Amino acid sequence: MKLVTPEAIKDEATKSYLLRLVKQLSGAFDSRPAQNTGTGELLLVSPNGSVYSVKVDDAGVLQTTLKYNAS
């Protein structure tokens, strides 16, 4: 798929928005951990939309913490 370059967009408000969006998305992708890199905490979403934090201790025991209750 070929995308138009920002210079081809004539509307200044649209161009400004798209440039800010690309900058934010690039920053988000740059700050994510590399593939196969461990992290200290994982967030999971349950079927009802609640969010849980999952951590593991040195004995391999999983600990879950409710971060957001959707019900």
Protein backbone atom coordinates (compact mmCIF):
# COMPACT_ATOMS: atom_id res chain seq x y z
CA MET A 1 0.00 0.00 0.00
CA LYS A 2 1.37 3.40 -0.95
CA LEU A 3 0.67 6.25 1.46
CA VAL A 4 0.73 9.91 0.55
CA THR A 5 3.64 11.91 1.97
CA PRO A 6 2.76 14.74 4.37
CA GLU A 7 3.88 17.29 1.76
CA ALA A 8 1.05 16.12 -0.54
CA ILE A 9 -1.61 17.03 2.04
CA LYS A 10 -2.86 20.56 1.40
CA ASP A 11 -5.06 21.08 4.47
CA GLU A 12 -2.72 22.40 7.19
CA ALA A 13 -4.88 21.18 10.10
CA THR A 14 -4.97 17.63 8.69
CA LYS A 15 -1.24 17.70 7.97
CA SER A 16 -0.48 18.91 11.50
CA TYR A 17 -2.72 16.26 13.06
CA LEU A 18 -1.19 13.45 11.01
CA LEU A 19 2.37 14.54 11.79
CA ARG A 20 1.58 14.62 15.55
CA LEU A 21 -0.13 11.22 15.30
CA VAL A 22 2.85 9.64 13.55
CA LYS A 23 5.22 11.12 16.14
CA GLN A 24 3.15 9.72 19.03
CA LEU A 25 2.82 6.29 17.40
CA SER A 26 6.55 6.17 16.66
CA GLY A 27 7.29 7.02 20.29
CA ALA A 28 4.93 4.31 21.51
CA PHE A 29 6.57 1.69 19.30
CA ASP A 30 10.07 2.83 20.29
CA SER A 31 9.31 2.51 24.01
CA ARG A 32 7.84 -1.02 23.87
CA PRO A 33 10.04 -3.91 25.01
CA ALA A 34 11.89 -5.92 22.39
CA GLN A 35 10.45 -9.28 21.35
CA ASN A 36 11.15 -12.07 23.86
CA THR A 37 12.06 -9.55 26.57
CA GLY A 38 10.80 -10.17 30.06
CA THR A 39 8.78 -7.63 31.98
CA GLY A 40 7.95 -7.42 35.68
CA GLU A 41 4.22 -7.08 35.20
CA LEU A 42 1.67 -8.10 32.59
CA LEU A 43 -1.80 -6.60 32.21
CA LEU A 44 -4.58 -8.94 31.10
CA VAL A 45 -8.21 -8.19 30.30
CA SER A 46 -10.90 -10.63 31.44
CA PRO A 47 -13.96 -11.43 29.27
CA ASN A 48 -16.09 -8.87 31.16
CA GLY A 49 -13.51 -6.10 30.56
CA SER A 50 -11.86 -6.05 33.98
CA VAL A 51 -8.09 -5.53 33.95
CA TYR A 52 -5.71 -7.59 36.07
CA SER A 53 -2.00 -7.24 36.75
CA VAL A 54 -0.11 -10.55 36.78
CA LYS A 55 3.30 -10.92 38.41
CA VAL A 56 5.46 -13.94 39.26
CA ASP A 57 7.68 -14.29 42.33
CA ASP A 58 11.01 -16.12 42.60
CA ALA A 59 9.20 -19.36 43.54
CA GLY A 60 7.13 -19.22 40.34
CA VAL A 61 3.92 -18.29 42.14
CA LEU A 62 1.61 -16.03 40.15
CA GLN A 63 0.02 -13.04 41.86
CA THR A 64 -2.95 -11.23 40.32
CA THR A 65 -4.14 -7.78 41.28
CA LEU A 66 -7.38 -6.22 40.09
CA LYS A 67 -6.51 -2.90 38.40
CA TYR A 68 -9.92 -2.03 36.92
CA ASN A 69 -13.29 -3.58 37.74
CA ALA A 70 -15.61 -3.44 34.71
CA SER A 71 -18.68 -4.74 36.52
